[in-house]
N, C-alpha and C. Protein backbone atom coordinates (compact mmCIF):
# COMPACT_ATOMS: atom_id res chain seq x y z
N MET A 1 8.54 0.07 -3.71
CA MET A 1 7.15 0.09 -3.27
C MET A 1 6.66 1.53 -3.08
N HIS A 2 7.44 2.30 -2.34
CA HIS A 2 7.06 3.70 -2.13
C HIS A 2 7.10 4.49 -3.43
N THR A 3 7.99 4.10 -4.34
CA THR A 3 8.04 4.78 -5.64
C THR A 3 6.74 4.59 -6.40
N ILE A 4 6.19 3.37 -6.35
CA ILE A 4 4.90 3.10 -7.01
C ILE A 4 3.81 3.96 -6.40
N HIS A 5 3.78 4.03 -5.07
CA HIS A 5 2.76 4.85 -4.40
C HIS A 5 2.86 6.31 -4.83
N ARG A 6 4.07 6.83 -4.85
CA ARG A 6 4.25 8.26 -5.13
C ARG A 6 4.00 8.58 -6.60
N VAL A 7 4.50 7.73 -7.50
CA VAL A 7 4.34 7.99 -8.93
C VAL A 7 2.87 7.95 -9.32
N CYS A 8 2.14 6.95 -8.84
CA CYS A 8 0.72 6.84 -9.18
C CYS A 8 -0.07 8.03 -8.64
N ALA A 9 0.21 8.41 -7.39
CA ALA A 9 -0.49 9.56 -6.81
C ALA A 9 -0.17 10.83 -7.58
N ALA A 10 1.07 10.98 -8.00
CA ALA A 10 1.47 12.18 -8.74
C ALA A 10 0.81 12.23 -10.12
N LEU A 11 0.77 11.08 -10.81
CA LEU A 11 0.16 11.05 -12.15
C LEU A 11 -1.33 11.35 -12.10
N CYS A 12 -2.03 10.70 -11.16
CA CYS A 12 -3.47 10.96 -11.03
C CYS A 12 -3.72 12.41 -10.61
N GLY A 13 -2.91 12.89 -9.67
CA GLY A 13 -3.07 14.28 -9.23
C GLY A 13 -2.80 15.27 -10.34
N GLY A 14 -1.76 15.00 -11.13
CA GLY A 14 -1.44 15.90 -12.23
C GLY A 14 -2.55 15.98 -13.27
N PHE A 15 -3.14 14.82 -13.60
CA PHE A 15 -4.24 14.85 -14.57
C PHE A 15 -5.45 15.60 -14.03
N LEU A 16 -5.77 15.38 -12.77
CA LEU A 16 -6.92 16.07 -12.18
C LEU A 16 -6.71 17.57 -12.15
N ILE A 17 -5.50 18.01 -11.84
CA ILE A 17 -5.21 19.44 -11.84
C ILE A 17 -5.34 20.02 -13.25
N LEU A 18 -4.81 19.30 -14.24
CA LEU A 18 -4.91 19.74 -15.63
C LEU A 18 -6.37 19.83 -16.06
N PHE A 19 -7.13 18.79 -15.74
CA PHE A 19 -8.55 18.76 -16.09
C PHE A 19 -9.30 19.91 -15.41
N GLY A 20 -9.02 20.13 -14.14
CA GLY A 20 -9.70 21.20 -13.42
C GLY A 20 -9.33 22.57 -13.91
N CYS A 21 -8.04 22.78 -14.25
CA CYS A 21 -7.61 24.10 -14.73
C CYS A 21 -8.23 24.43 -16.08
N PHE A 22 -8.34 23.41 -16.95
CA PHE A 22 -9.01 23.65 -18.23
C PHE A 22 -10.46 24.06 -18.01
N GLY A 23 -11.12 23.39 -17.07
CA GLY A 23 -12.51 23.74 -16.79
C GLY A 23 -12.66 25.12 -16.20
N LEU A 24 -11.81 25.46 -15.24
CA LEU A 24 -11.88 26.79 -14.63
C LEU A 24 -11.50 27.88 -15.62
N GLY A 25 -10.59 27.54 -16.55
CA GLY A 25 -10.18 28.53 -17.55
C GLY A 25 -11.30 28.90 -18.50
N GLN A 26 -12.27 28.04 -18.68
CA GLN A 26 -13.40 28.35 -19.56
C GLN A 26 -14.53 29.07 -18.83
N ARG A 27 -14.34 29.30 -17.55
CA ARG A 27 -15.34 30.02 -16.74
C ARG A 27 -16.72 29.38 -16.89
N LEU A 28 -16.77 28.11 -16.63
CA LEU A 28 -18.02 27.37 -16.78
C LEU A 28 -18.98 27.71 -15.64
N PRO A 29 -20.30 27.59 -15.88
CA PRO A 29 -21.27 27.78 -14.79
C PRO A 29 -20.96 26.83 -13.64
N PHE A 30 -21.09 27.33 -12.42
CA PHE A 30 -20.65 26.57 -11.26
C PHE A 30 -21.55 25.38 -10.98
N PHE A 31 -22.85 25.52 -11.08
CA PHE A 31 -23.76 24.44 -10.70
C PHE A 31 -24.58 23.92 -11.87
N SER A 32 -24.07 24.04 -13.08
CA SER A 32 -24.79 23.53 -14.25
C SER A 32 -24.85 22.01 -14.19
N THR A 33 -26.02 21.46 -14.53
CA THR A 33 -26.17 20.00 -14.52
C THR A 33 -25.93 19.38 -15.91
N THR A 34 -25.71 20.21 -16.90
CA THR A 34 -25.44 19.69 -18.25
C THR A 34 -23.94 19.54 -18.48
N GLY A 35 -23.18 20.56 -18.16
CA GLY A 35 -21.73 20.46 -18.25
C GLY A 35 -21.18 20.69 -19.65
N THR A 36 -19.86 20.86 -19.72
CA THR A 36 -19.14 21.06 -20.97
C THR A 36 -18.03 20.01 -21.06
N ILE A 37 -17.78 19.50 -22.25
CA ILE A 37 -16.77 18.46 -22.43
C ILE A 37 -15.36 19.07 -22.38
N VAL A 38 -14.55 18.55 -21.47
CA VAL A 38 -13.16 18.97 -21.33
C VAL A 38 -12.31 17.70 -21.20
N LEU A 39 -11.35 17.53 -22.11
CA LEU A 39 -10.49 16.34 -22.10
C LEU A 39 -11.31 15.05 -22.10
N GLY A 40 -12.41 15.06 -22.83
CA GLY A 40 -13.23 13.87 -22.97
C GLY A 40 -14.21 13.62 -21.84
N LEU A 41 -14.25 14.52 -20.84
CA LEU A 41 -15.14 14.36 -19.70
C LEU A 41 -16.00 15.59 -19.53
N SER A 42 -17.20 15.40 -19.00
CA SER A 42 -18.11 16.50 -18.75
C SER A 42 -17.71 17.19 -17.44
N THR A 43 -17.81 18.50 -17.41
CA THR A 43 -17.46 19.23 -16.19
C THR A 43 -18.22 20.55 -16.11
N ASN A 44 -18.34 21.05 -14.90
CA ASN A 44 -18.83 22.40 -14.67
C ASN A 44 -17.86 23.08 -13.71
N GLY A 45 -18.17 24.27 -13.26
CA GLY A 45 -17.25 25.00 -12.39
C GLY A 45 -16.96 24.28 -11.08
N LEU A 46 -18.01 23.67 -10.51
CA LEU A 46 -17.83 22.99 -9.23
C LEU A 46 -16.92 21.76 -9.38
N LEU A 47 -17.17 20.95 -10.39
CA LEU A 47 -16.35 19.76 -10.60
C LEU A 47 -14.91 20.14 -10.92
N ALA A 48 -14.73 21.22 -11.67
CA ALA A 48 -13.38 21.67 -11.99
C ALA A 48 -12.63 22.08 -10.72
N ALA A 49 -13.31 22.80 -9.84
CA ALA A 49 -12.67 23.23 -8.60
C ALA A 49 -12.34 22.03 -7.71
N VAL A 50 -13.27 21.08 -7.60
CA VAL A 50 -13.04 19.89 -6.79
C VAL A 50 -11.87 19.09 -7.37
N SER A 51 -11.79 19.01 -8.68
CA SER A 51 -10.70 18.26 -9.33
C SER A 51 -9.35 18.87 -8.99
N VAL A 52 -9.26 20.19 -9.01
CA VAL A 52 -8.00 20.86 -8.68
C VAL A 52 -7.61 20.59 -7.23
N ILE A 53 -8.58 20.67 -6.33
CA ILE A 53 -8.29 20.44 -4.91
C ILE A 53 -7.80 19.01 -4.67
N VAL A 54 -8.51 18.04 -5.25
CA VAL A 54 -8.12 16.64 -5.07
C VAL A 54 -6.76 16.38 -5.71
N GLY A 55 -6.52 16.98 -6.88
CA GLY A 55 -5.24 16.81 -7.54
C GLY A 55 -4.09 17.36 -6.72
N VAL A 56 -4.30 18.52 -6.10
CA VAL A 56 -3.26 19.12 -5.25
C VAL A 56 -2.98 18.22 -4.04
N ILE A 57 -4.03 17.65 -3.46
CA ILE A 57 -3.85 16.74 -2.31
C ILE A 57 -3.01 15.53 -2.72
N LEU A 58 -3.30 14.95 -3.88
CA LEU A 58 -2.53 13.80 -4.34
C LEU A 58 -1.08 14.17 -4.62
N LEU A 59 -0.87 15.30 -5.26
CA LEU A 59 0.50 15.73 -5.55
C LEU A 59 1.28 16.00 -4.26
N ALA A 60 0.62 16.66 -3.30
CA ALA A 60 1.28 16.96 -2.03
C ALA A 60 1.65 15.68 -1.29
N SER A 61 0.76 14.68 -1.33
CA SER A 61 1.06 13.41 -0.65
C SER A 61 2.24 12.72 -1.32
N ALA A 62 2.32 12.81 -2.65
CA ALA A 62 3.44 12.18 -3.37
C ALA A 62 4.75 12.86 -3.03
N VAL A 63 4.73 14.18 -2.87
CA VAL A 63 5.94 14.92 -2.53
C VAL A 63 6.37 14.63 -1.10
N ARG A 64 5.41 14.48 -0.20
CA ARG A 64 5.73 14.30 1.22
C ARG A 64 6.44 12.97 1.48
N SER A 65 5.81 11.84 1.13
CA SER A 65 6.44 10.54 1.37
C SER A 65 5.60 9.45 0.71
N GLY A 66 6.22 8.28 0.53
CA GLY A 66 5.48 7.15 -0.02
C GLY A 66 4.40 6.66 0.92
N HIS A 67 4.68 6.71 2.22
CA HIS A 67 3.68 6.29 3.21
C HIS A 67 2.44 7.17 3.13
N THR A 68 2.66 8.50 3.06
CA THR A 68 1.53 9.43 2.94
C THR A 68 0.78 9.22 1.64
N ALA A 69 1.52 9.03 0.54
CA ALA A 69 0.88 8.81 -0.75
C ALA A 69 0.02 7.55 -0.72
N SER A 70 0.51 6.50 -0.05
CA SER A 70 -0.26 5.27 0.05
C SER A 70 -1.56 5.49 0.80
N THR A 71 -1.47 6.16 1.95
CA THR A 71 -2.67 6.39 2.76
C THR A 71 -3.68 7.26 2.03
N VAL A 72 -3.20 8.36 1.44
CA VAL A 72 -4.10 9.27 0.72
C VAL A 72 -4.70 8.58 -0.50
N SER A 73 -3.91 7.78 -1.21
CA SER A 73 -4.42 7.09 -2.41
C SER A 73 -5.53 6.11 -2.05
N MET A 74 -5.35 5.35 -0.97
CA MET A 74 -6.39 4.40 -0.57
C MET A 74 -7.65 5.13 -0.14
N THR A 75 -7.50 6.24 0.58
CA THR A 75 -8.67 7.00 1.03
C THR A 75 -9.42 7.60 -0.15
N LEU A 76 -8.69 8.30 -1.02
CA LEU A 76 -9.35 8.93 -2.17
C LEU A 76 -9.84 7.88 -3.17
N GLY A 77 -9.15 6.76 -3.26
CA GLY A 77 -9.62 5.70 -4.15
C GLY A 77 -10.99 5.21 -3.75
N GLY A 78 -11.19 5.02 -2.46
CA GLY A 78 -12.52 4.61 -1.97
C GLY A 78 -13.56 5.68 -2.25
N LEU A 79 -13.18 6.96 -2.09
CA LEU A 79 -14.12 8.05 -2.34
C LEU A 79 -14.47 8.16 -3.83
N PHE A 80 -13.50 7.91 -4.70
CA PHE A 80 -13.78 7.93 -6.14
C PHE A 80 -14.79 6.83 -6.50
N LEU A 81 -14.60 5.64 -5.95
CA LEU A 81 -15.54 4.55 -6.23
C LEU A 81 -16.93 4.90 -5.72
N LEU A 82 -16.99 5.48 -4.53
CA LEU A 82 -18.28 5.88 -3.98
C LEU A 82 -18.92 6.98 -4.83
N SER A 83 -18.10 7.93 -5.29
CA SER A 83 -18.62 9.00 -6.15
C SER A 83 -19.19 8.45 -7.45
N GLY A 84 -18.46 7.50 -8.05
CA GLY A 84 -18.97 6.91 -9.29
C GLY A 84 -20.30 6.22 -9.09
N LEU A 85 -20.45 5.51 -7.96
CA LEU A 85 -21.70 4.80 -7.69
C LEU A 85 -22.85 5.78 -7.45
N VAL A 86 -22.61 6.79 -6.63
CA VAL A 86 -23.67 7.75 -6.30
C VAL A 86 -24.09 8.53 -7.54
N ASN A 87 -23.11 9.03 -8.30
CA ASN A 87 -23.44 9.84 -9.46
C ASN A 87 -24.07 9.02 -10.57
N ALA A 88 -23.80 7.71 -10.61
CA ALA A 88 -24.48 6.86 -11.60
C ALA A 88 -25.97 6.80 -11.32
N LEU A 89 -26.35 6.93 -10.04
CA LEU A 89 -27.76 6.85 -9.66
C LEU A 89 -28.52 8.15 -9.91
N ILE A 90 -27.79 9.28 -10.04
CA ILE A 90 -28.48 10.57 -10.16
C ILE A 90 -28.25 11.20 -11.53
N LEU A 91 -27.75 10.42 -12.49
CA LEU A 91 -27.57 10.97 -13.84
C LEU A 91 -28.90 11.44 -14.40
N GLY A 92 -28.88 12.61 -15.04
CA GLY A 92 -30.08 13.14 -15.67
C GLY A 92 -31.09 13.74 -14.72
N THR A 93 -30.72 13.92 -13.45
CA THR A 93 -31.63 14.53 -12.47
C THR A 93 -31.08 15.87 -12.02
N SER A 94 -31.89 16.60 -11.28
CA SER A 94 -31.46 17.91 -10.78
C SER A 94 -30.41 17.78 -9.68
N LEU A 95 -30.21 16.59 -9.18
CA LEU A 95 -29.21 16.37 -8.14
C LEU A 95 -27.80 16.20 -8.72
N ASN A 96 -27.72 16.15 -10.02
CA ASN A 96 -26.43 15.95 -10.68
C ASN A 96 -25.65 17.27 -10.72
N VAL A 97 -25.26 17.78 -9.55
CA VAL A 97 -24.63 19.11 -9.46
C VAL A 97 -23.20 19.11 -9.98
N LEU A 98 -22.59 17.95 -10.19
CA LEU A 98 -21.24 17.88 -10.73
C LEU A 98 -21.24 17.66 -12.25
N ALA A 99 -22.43 17.69 -12.85
CA ALA A 99 -22.58 17.56 -14.30
C ALA A 99 -21.95 16.28 -14.83
N PHE A 100 -22.14 15.19 -14.12
CA PHE A 100 -21.58 13.89 -14.53
C PHE A 100 -22.32 13.35 -15.74
N ARG A 101 -21.58 12.65 -16.57
CA ARG A 101 -22.13 11.80 -17.62
C ARG A 101 -21.56 10.40 -17.41
N MET A 102 -21.99 9.47 -18.24
CA MET A 102 -21.53 8.10 -18.05
C MET A 102 -20.01 7.99 -18.16
N GLU A 103 -19.40 8.83 -19.02
CA GLU A 103 -17.95 8.82 -19.13
C GLU A 103 -17.30 9.20 -17.80
N ASN A 104 -17.89 10.15 -17.09
CA ASN A 104 -17.35 10.55 -15.79
C ASN A 104 -17.49 9.42 -14.76
N VAL A 105 -18.62 8.72 -14.84
CA VAL A 105 -18.83 7.60 -13.91
C VAL A 105 -17.76 6.53 -14.12
N LEU A 106 -17.53 6.17 -15.38
CA LEU A 106 -16.51 5.16 -15.68
C LEU A 106 -15.12 5.65 -15.27
N PHE A 107 -14.87 6.94 -15.48
CA PHE A 107 -13.57 7.51 -15.09
C PHE A 107 -13.39 7.44 -13.57
N SER A 108 -14.45 7.73 -12.82
CA SER A 108 -14.36 7.66 -11.36
C SER A 108 -14.06 6.25 -10.89
N PHE A 109 -14.74 5.26 -11.50
CA PHE A 109 -14.47 3.87 -11.13
C PHE A 109 -13.03 3.48 -11.46
N ALA A 110 -12.54 3.91 -12.64
CA ALA A 110 -11.19 3.54 -13.06
C ALA A 110 -10.13 4.17 -12.15
N VAL A 111 -10.27 5.47 -11.90
CA VAL A 111 -9.29 6.16 -11.05
C VAL A 111 -9.36 5.63 -9.62
N GLY A 112 -10.57 5.40 -9.14
CA GLY A 112 -10.72 4.86 -7.79
C GLY A 112 -10.04 3.51 -7.64
N ALA A 113 -10.23 2.64 -8.63
CA ALA A 113 -9.60 1.31 -8.57
C ALA A 113 -8.09 1.41 -8.63
N VAL A 114 -7.57 2.29 -9.51
CA VAL A 114 -6.12 2.45 -9.63
C VAL A 114 -5.52 2.97 -8.33
N LEU A 115 -6.13 4.00 -7.76
CA LEU A 115 -5.61 4.57 -6.51
C LEU A 115 -5.69 3.57 -5.36
N LEU A 116 -6.79 2.84 -5.30
CA LEU A 116 -6.98 1.89 -4.20
C LEU A 116 -5.97 0.74 -4.30
N ILE A 117 -5.78 0.22 -5.52
CA ILE A 117 -4.89 -0.93 -5.69
C ILE A 117 -3.42 -0.53 -5.49
N THR A 118 -3.03 0.58 -6.13
CA THR A 118 -1.63 0.99 -5.99
C THR A 118 -1.32 1.49 -4.59
N GLY A 119 -2.30 2.14 -3.94
CA GLY A 119 -2.07 2.60 -2.58
C GLY A 119 -1.92 1.45 -1.60
N ALA A 120 -2.62 0.35 -1.86
CA ALA A 120 -2.56 -0.81 -0.98
C ALA A 120 -1.43 -1.76 -1.35
N TYR A 121 -0.77 -1.51 -2.49
CA TYR A 121 0.27 -2.42 -2.97
C TYR A 121 1.39 -2.57 -1.93
N GLY A 122 1.67 -3.81 -1.54
CA GLY A 122 2.74 -4.08 -0.60
C GLY A 122 2.44 -3.71 0.83
N ARG A 123 1.23 -3.23 1.10
CA ARG A 123 0.90 -2.76 2.45
C ARG A 123 -0.19 -3.58 3.10
N VAL A 124 -1.22 -3.91 2.34
CA VAL A 124 -2.36 -4.65 2.88
C VAL A 124 -2.11 -6.14 2.63
N THR A 125 -1.58 -6.82 3.61
CA THR A 125 -1.27 -8.24 3.51
C THR A 125 -1.18 -8.82 4.90
N GLY A 126 -1.41 -10.12 5.00
CA GLY A 126 -1.35 -10.76 6.31
C GLY A 126 0.06 -11.16 6.72
N ARG A 127 1.00 -11.16 5.73
CA ARG A 127 2.37 -11.58 6.04
C ARG A 127 3.34 -10.56 5.46
N LEU A 128 3.67 -9.51 6.21
CA LEU A 128 4.63 -8.53 5.77
C LEU A 128 6.03 -9.03 6.04
N PRO A 129 6.91 -9.07 5.03
CA PRO A 129 8.29 -9.48 5.30
C PRO A 129 8.99 -8.48 6.20
N LEU A 130 10.07 -8.92 6.85
CA LEU A 130 10.73 -8.06 7.83
C LEU A 130 11.37 -6.84 7.19
N ASP A 131 11.71 -6.89 5.89
CA ASP A 131 12.30 -5.72 5.26
C ASP A 131 11.26 -4.83 4.58
N ASN A 132 9.98 -5.15 4.75
CA ASN A 132 8.91 -4.31 4.24
C ASN A 132 8.79 -3.06 5.12
N PRO A 133 8.77 -1.84 4.53
CA PRO A 133 8.71 -0.64 5.36
C PRO A 133 7.47 -0.57 6.24
N TYR A 134 6.37 -1.24 5.83
CA TYR A 134 5.16 -1.19 6.65
C TYR A 134 5.20 -2.19 7.78
N HIS A 135 6.17 -3.12 7.74
CA HIS A 135 6.34 -4.02 8.87
C HIS A 135 6.70 -3.23 10.11
N ARG A 136 7.48 -2.17 9.92
CA ARG A 136 7.89 -1.34 11.05
C ARG A 136 6.78 -0.44 11.54
N ASP A 137 5.71 -0.29 10.74
CA ASP A 137 4.57 0.52 11.17
C ASP A 137 3.66 -0.24 12.11
N MET A 138 3.81 -1.56 12.19
CA MET A 138 2.93 -2.36 13.02
C MET A 138 3.27 -2.16 14.49
N PRO A 139 2.27 -2.18 15.38
CA PRO A 139 2.53 -1.98 16.81
C PRO A 139 3.52 -3.01 17.33
N ALA A 140 4.49 -2.55 18.08
CA ALA A 140 5.52 -3.43 18.61
C ALA A 140 5.40 -3.60 20.11
N GLY A 141 4.25 -3.21 20.69
CA GLY A 141 4.06 -3.35 22.12
C GLY A 141 4.65 -2.18 22.87
N PRO A 142 4.56 -2.18 24.21
CA PRO A 142 5.08 -1.07 25.00
C PRO A 142 6.59 -0.99 24.91
N PRO A 143 7.17 0.20 25.03
CA PRO A 143 8.63 0.33 24.96
C PRO A 143 9.29 -0.38 26.13
N PRO A 144 10.50 -0.94 25.93
CA PRO A 144 11.18 -1.65 27.02
C PRO A 144 11.54 -0.69 28.15
N GLN A 145 11.48 -1.21 29.37
CA GLN A 145 11.74 -0.40 30.55
C GLN A 145 13.02 -0.82 31.26
N SER A 146 13.14 -2.09 31.61
CA SER A 146 14.30 -2.55 32.36
C SER A 146 15.49 -2.78 31.43
N GLU A 147 16.68 -2.95 32.03
CA GLU A 147 17.88 -3.20 31.23
C GLU A 147 17.76 -4.52 30.47
N GLU A 148 17.15 -5.52 31.11
CA GLU A 148 16.97 -6.80 30.44
C GLU A 148 16.05 -6.68 29.23
N GLU A 149 14.96 -5.89 29.38
CA GLU A 149 14.03 -5.69 28.27
C GLU A 149 14.71 -4.92 27.14
N ILE A 150 15.53 -3.93 27.51
CA ILE A 150 16.24 -3.17 26.50
C ILE A 150 17.22 -4.07 25.74
N ALA A 151 17.93 -4.92 26.49
CA ALA A 151 18.87 -5.84 25.84
C ALA A 151 18.14 -6.82 24.93
N GLN A 152 16.98 -7.33 25.40
CA GLN A 152 16.20 -8.26 24.58
C GLN A 152 15.68 -7.58 23.33
N HIS A 153 15.26 -6.33 23.47
CA HIS A 153 14.78 -5.57 22.31
C HIS A 153 15.90 -5.40 21.29
N ALA A 154 17.11 -5.11 21.79
CA ALA A 154 18.25 -4.94 20.89
C ALA A 154 18.56 -6.26 20.18
N ARG A 155 18.47 -7.39 20.91
CA ARG A 155 18.72 -8.69 20.29
C ARG A 155 17.67 -8.99 19.22
N ASN A 156 16.41 -8.62 19.50
CA ASN A 156 15.34 -8.84 18.51
C ASN A 156 15.61 -8.05 17.24
N LEU A 157 16.03 -6.79 17.41
CA LEU A 157 16.31 -5.96 16.23
C LEU A 157 17.46 -6.55 15.43
N ALA A 158 18.50 -7.02 16.14
CA ALA A 158 19.64 -7.60 15.44
C ALA A 158 19.23 -8.87 14.70
N SER A 159 18.42 -9.70 15.35
CA SER A 159 17.97 -10.94 14.70
C SER A 159 17.10 -10.64 13.50
N ALA A 160 16.23 -9.62 13.62
CA ALA A 160 15.38 -9.24 12.50
C ALA A 160 16.21 -8.78 11.31
N GLY A 161 17.29 -8.02 11.59
CA GLY A 161 18.16 -7.58 10.50
C GLY A 161 18.87 -8.74 9.85
N GLU A 162 19.34 -9.69 10.66
CA GLU A 162 20.01 -10.87 10.12
C GLU A 162 19.05 -11.70 9.26
N LEU A 163 17.82 -11.87 9.75
CA LEU A 163 16.84 -12.66 9.00
C LEU A 163 16.48 -11.99 7.69
N ALA A 164 16.31 -10.66 7.72
CA ALA A 164 15.99 -9.94 6.49
C ALA A 164 17.13 -10.07 5.48
N GLU A 165 18.37 -10.01 5.96
CA GLU A 165 19.52 -10.15 5.07
C GLU A 165 19.59 -11.56 4.49
N ALA A 166 19.28 -12.56 5.31
CA ALA A 166 19.28 -13.94 4.83
C ALA A 166 18.19 -14.16 3.79
N GLU A 167 17.00 -13.61 4.04
CA GLU A 167 15.91 -13.74 3.07
C GLU A 167 16.28 -13.05 1.76
N ARG A 168 16.96 -11.93 1.85
CA ARG A 168 17.36 -11.22 0.64
C ARG A 168 18.38 -12.06 -0.14
N ALA A 169 19.33 -12.64 0.59
CA ALA A 169 20.33 -13.50 -0.07
C ALA A 169 19.67 -14.73 -0.68
N TYR A 170 18.67 -15.27 0.01
CA TYR A 170 17.94 -16.44 -0.50
C TYR A 170 17.21 -16.09 -1.80
N ALA A 171 16.59 -14.91 -1.83
CA ALA A 171 15.88 -14.48 -3.04
C ALA A 171 16.83 -14.26 -4.21
N LEU A 172 18.06 -13.84 -3.92
CA LEU A 172 19.05 -13.59 -4.97
C LEU A 172 19.90 -14.82 -5.27
N HIS A 173 19.56 -15.97 -4.63
CA HIS A 173 20.26 -17.23 -4.86
C HIS A 173 21.74 -17.14 -4.50
N CYS A 174 22.05 -16.40 -3.43
CA CYS A 174 23.45 -16.29 -3.02
C CYS A 174 23.59 -16.56 -1.52
N ALA A 175 22.59 -17.22 -0.91
CA ALA A 175 22.67 -17.54 0.52
C ALA A 175 23.69 -18.65 0.73
N ASP A 176 24.46 -18.55 1.85
CA ASP A 176 25.43 -19.58 2.14
C ASP A 176 24.75 -20.76 2.81
N ALA A 177 25.54 -21.81 3.09
CA ALA A 177 24.98 -23.05 3.63
C ALA A 177 24.33 -22.82 5.00
N GLU A 178 24.96 -22.00 5.84
CA GLU A 178 24.41 -21.75 7.17
C GLU A 178 23.09 -21.00 7.08
N GLN A 179 23.00 -20.01 6.21
CA GLN A 179 21.75 -19.29 6.02
C GLN A 179 20.66 -20.21 5.50
N MET A 180 21.01 -21.06 4.55
CA MET A 180 20.03 -21.99 4.00
C MET A 180 19.52 -22.95 5.07
N ARG A 181 20.44 -23.42 5.93
CA ARG A 181 20.02 -24.34 7.00
C ARG A 181 19.03 -23.66 7.94
N ARG A 182 19.33 -22.44 8.33
CA ARG A 182 18.46 -21.74 9.29
C ARG A 182 17.15 -21.30 8.63
N LEU A 183 17.21 -20.91 7.36
CA LEU A 183 15.99 -20.52 6.66
C LEU A 183 15.06 -21.71 6.46
N GLU A 184 15.60 -22.88 6.30
CA GLU A 184 14.77 -24.08 6.17
C GLU A 184 13.92 -24.27 7.42
N ILE A 185 14.48 -23.93 8.55
CA ILE A 185 13.72 -24.01 9.81
C ILE A 185 12.70 -22.88 9.88
N VAL A 186 13.14 -21.67 9.53
CA VAL A 186 12.27 -20.49 9.63
C VAL A 186 11.05 -20.63 8.73
N HIS A 187 11.24 -21.18 7.54
CA HIS A 187 10.15 -21.25 6.56
C HIS A 187 9.04 -22.22 6.96
N GLN A 188 9.21 -22.93 8.06
CA GLN A 188 8.15 -23.80 8.56
C GLN A 188 7.09 -23.02 9.33
N TYR A 189 7.37 -21.76 9.62
CA TYR A 189 6.46 -20.94 10.43
C TYR A 189 5.85 -19.85 9.56
N ARG A 190 4.71 -19.33 10.01
CA ARG A 190 3.98 -18.35 9.22
C ARG A 190 4.06 -16.94 9.81
N SER A 191 3.81 -16.79 11.10
CA SER A 191 3.79 -15.45 11.69
C SER A 191 5.19 -14.89 11.83
N GLY A 192 5.29 -13.56 11.79
CA GLY A 192 6.59 -12.92 11.91
C GLY A 192 7.27 -13.20 13.22
N GLU A 193 6.50 -13.26 14.32
CA GLU A 193 7.07 -13.52 15.63
C GLU A 193 7.66 -14.92 15.71
N GLU A 194 6.92 -15.91 15.18
CA GLU A 194 7.42 -17.29 15.20
C GLU A 194 8.65 -17.44 14.33
N ARG A 195 8.65 -16.77 13.17
CA ARG A 195 9.80 -16.87 12.26
C ARG A 195 11.04 -16.24 12.88
N LEU A 196 10.85 -15.12 13.57
CA LEU A 196 11.98 -14.47 14.22
C LEU A 196 12.54 -15.33 15.35
N ARG A 197 11.65 -15.94 16.14
CA ARG A 197 12.09 -16.81 17.22
C ARG A 197 12.81 -18.04 16.67
N ALA A 198 12.28 -18.60 15.58
CA ALA A 198 12.93 -19.77 14.98
C ALA A 198 14.31 -19.41 14.44
N TRP A 199 14.43 -18.24 13.86
CA TRP A 199 15.75 -17.81 13.36
C TRP A 199 16.74 -17.66 14.51
N ARG A 200 16.29 -17.06 15.60
CA ARG A 200 17.17 -16.85 16.74
C ARG A 200 17.60 -18.18 17.36
N GLU A 201 16.64 -19.09 17.49
CA GLU A 201 16.95 -20.37 18.12
C GLU A 201 17.77 -21.27 17.20
N SER A 202 17.63 -21.10 15.89
CA SER A 202 18.35 -21.96 14.96
C SER A 202 19.85 -21.73 15.01
N ALA A 203 20.28 -20.58 15.51
CA ALA A 203 21.71 -20.31 15.62
C ALA A 203 22.37 -21.23 16.63
N GLN A 204 21.60 -21.77 17.57
CA GLN A 204 22.14 -22.61 18.63
C GLN A 204 21.97 -24.10 18.32
N ARG A 205 21.42 -24.43 17.15
CA ARG A 205 21.18 -25.82 16.79
C ARG A 205 22.23 -26.29 15.79
N ALA A 206 22.70 -27.46 16.00
CA ALA A 206 23.64 -28.04 15.04
C ALA A 206 22.87 -28.56 13.84
N PRO A 207 23.49 -28.60 12.67
CA PRO A 207 22.80 -29.11 11.48
C PRO A 207 22.28 -30.51 11.71
N GLY A 208 21.03 -30.73 11.35
CA GLY A 208 20.41 -32.04 11.47
C GLY A 208 19.80 -32.32 12.81
N SER A 209 19.89 -31.33 13.78
CA SER A 209 19.37 -31.59 15.12
C SER A 209 17.95 -31.11 15.30
N ASP A 210 17.39 -30.48 14.31
CA ASP A 210 16.05 -29.92 14.47
C ASP A 210 15.01 -31.02 14.37
N THR A 211 14.37 -31.31 15.46
CA THR A 211 13.41 -32.41 15.51
C THR A 211 12.16 -32.11 14.71
N MET A 212 11.80 -30.83 14.64
CA MET A 212 10.58 -30.49 13.89
C MET A 212 10.79 -30.76 12.41
N THR A 213 12.00 -30.49 11.91
CA THR A 213 12.28 -30.76 10.50
C THR A 213 12.15 -32.24 10.21
N ARG A 214 12.71 -33.06 11.09
CA ARG A 214 12.61 -34.50 10.88
C ARG A 214 11.17 -34.99 10.96
N SER A 215 10.39 -34.40 11.90
CA SER A 215 9.00 -34.79 12.01
C SER A 215 8.22 -34.43 10.75
N ARG A 216 8.50 -33.23 10.23
CA ARG A 216 7.79 -32.82 9.02
C ARG A 216 8.18 -33.68 7.84
N GLN A 217 9.45 -34.08 7.78
CA GLN A 217 9.87 -34.95 6.69
C GLN A 217 9.15 -36.30 6.78
N ARG A 218 9.01 -36.82 8.00
CA ARG A 218 8.29 -38.10 8.16
C ARG A 218 6.83 -37.96 7.75
N LEU A 219 6.20 -36.80 8.10
CA LEU A 219 4.80 -36.60 7.72
C LEU A 219 4.66 -36.51 6.21
N ASN A 220 5.61 -35.80 5.56
CA ASN A 220 5.55 -35.69 4.10
C ASN A 220 5.75 -37.05 3.46
N ALA A 221 6.61 -37.89 4.05
CA ALA A 221 6.84 -39.22 3.48
C ALA A 221 5.60 -40.08 3.58
N ASN A 222 4.85 -39.92 4.68
CA ASN A 222 3.62 -40.69 4.86
C ASN A 222 2.54 -40.19 3.92
């Protein structure tokens, strides 16, 4: 997941830097509204400079971490979409200080969509699995204070690790009978908190003793 975030940010950043350097190398007028074609897109000195700056930001985020690349990609993706919309409205006017043409507008929409989608990939969802790195980014409440709270927190972490391992084994079709029995109970719940509690409680239940499973089977039969 983080590899996708970083690779996409690096590729988009690299192209923008290349595009901007070509424009700056031609010493184009800074505020020309007509522009010169570079790599199939219209540009002037200002757009070339902005492209280099944005490209460096994307590259730096990719080097720093996948989390940073995701955040920066989503932010800049939204700005690219907004830029494409605004510049589409001012084409052919004196306000077109970035020397946009229709090709630039379409490019802004395309890059914005790519950055927004890849930056949000695996992160923006209502049900993050326990082994998802962004699951750990979610607020976990105040830190434990008493010994009992610390012990409970440790038990929760251990249960979360066990559940993540069981889910991984289930996905790889190598879960054992005990994991399958407990996962059958867990999969009846939707929220992460309920699933974790069901996993913890299922360890104390004998096979076939779960009343909710039997109730659900009766409802499905009806």
